[in-house]
Protein backbone atom coordinates (compact mmCIF):
# COMPACT_ATOMS: atom_id res chain seq x y z
CA MET A 1 65.65 -13.52 -185.30
CA ILE A 2 63.32 -16.10 -186.94
CA PRO A 3 65.27 -17.10 -190.76
CA GLY A 4 62.36 -15.41 -193.14
CA VAL A 5 60.38 -14.03 -191.49
CA GLY A 6 60.47 -9.79 -191.49
CA MET A 7 59.49 -7.55 -189.63
CA THR A 8 56.22 -6.98 -191.36
CA GLU A 9 54.88 -10.48 -191.39
CA LEU A 10 56.14 -10.69 -187.15
CA ILE A 11 53.49 -7.10 -187.00
CA ILE A 12 50.60 -8.64 -188.97
CA ILE A 13 50.75 -12.32 -186.86
CA LEU A 14 50.47 -9.83 -183.61
CA ALA A 15 47.31 -8.00 -185.27
CA ILE A 16 45.89 -11.27 -185.35
CA VAL A 17 47.08 -12.47 -182.44
CA LEU A 18 45.76 -9.51 -180.91
CA VAL A 19 42.41 -9.87 -182.02
CA LEU A 20 41.47 -13.20 -181.41
CA PHE A 21 42.61 -12.84 -177.55
CA GLY A 22 42.24 -9.14 -176.91
CA ALA A 23 44.44 -6.84 -174.86
CA LYS A 24 43.56 -8.03 -171.54
CA ARG A 25 44.67 -11.98 -171.75
CA LEU A 26 48.31 -11.43 -173.62
CA PRO A 27 50.20 -10.04 -170.86
CA GLU A 28 48.53 -13.55 -169.21
CA LEU A 29 49.52 -14.87 -172.62
CA ALA A 30 52.92 -13.64 -172.75
CA SER A 31 53.80 -15.39 -168.79
CA GLY A 32 52.14 -18.05 -170.04
CA PHE A 33 54.77 -18.55 -172.12
CA GLY A 34 57.81 -17.23 -171.03
CA LYS A 35 57.05 -19.25 -167.88
CA ALA A 36 56.96 -22.80 -170.53
CA ILE A 37 60.20 -21.63 -171.94
CA LYS A 38 61.68 -21.10 -168.97
CA ASN A 39 60.62 -25.40 -167.91
CA PHE A 40 61.40 -26.42 -171.28
CA LYS A 41 65.11 -25.18 -170.59
CA LYS A 42 65.29 -26.06 -167.03
CA ALA A 43 64.00 -29.85 -168.22
CA THR A 44 66.15 -30.50 -170.61
CA SER A 45 69.76 -29.08 -169.16
CA GLY A 46 68.89 -30.26 -165.86
CA PRO A 47 69.86 -33.33 -164.61
CA ASP A 48 67.93 -36.45 -164.75
CA GLU A 49 65.50 -36.99 -161.51
CA ILE A 50 65.59 -40.60 -161.83
CA ASP A 51 69.21 -42.61 -161.50
CA VAL A 52 67.85 -45.86 -162.53
CA THR A 53 71.96 -47.00 -161.93
CA PRO A 54 72.48 -49.66 -160.50
CA LYS A 55 74.68 -49.42 -157.13
CA LYS A 56 78.17 -51.40 -156.64
CA ALA A 57 76.93 -53.12 -153.40
CA VAL A 58 73.50 -53.83 -155.70
CA ALA A 59 75.34 -55.41 -158.74
CA GLU A 60 77.10 -57.43 -155.58
CA ASN A 61 74.25 -58.80 -154.15
CA ARG A 62 72.98 -59.76 -158.02
CA ASP A 63 76.42 -61.40 -158.73
CA GLU A 64 76.07 -63.89 -155.49
CA ILE A 65 72.50 -64.43 -156.52
CA GLU A 66 73.44 -65.84 -159.42
CA GLU A 67 76.19 -67.29 -158.53
CA LYS A 68 74.16 -69.70 -155.96
CA GLN A 69 71.61 -70.09 -158.65
CA ILE A 70 73.79 -71.27 -160.66
CA LYS A 71 75.34 -74.05 -157.99
CA GLN A 72 72.45 -75.04 -156.85
CA GLY A 73 71.21 -76.59 -161.24
């Protein structure tokens, strides 16, 4: 659990949430919170979506262009 937060504090927090949002919206809020945690874990543990490393052919082509520019002056 959360360090420094006991059972009494959790019950008080849940009671405040129940008063603020009502019993009808609690399942909706819990579902949204669960989806947010799931998406966060997926984003932090998954592979990067964009691979910005240059391919070998691109790097070789760049080297050839640089050599031509050096020869031209």
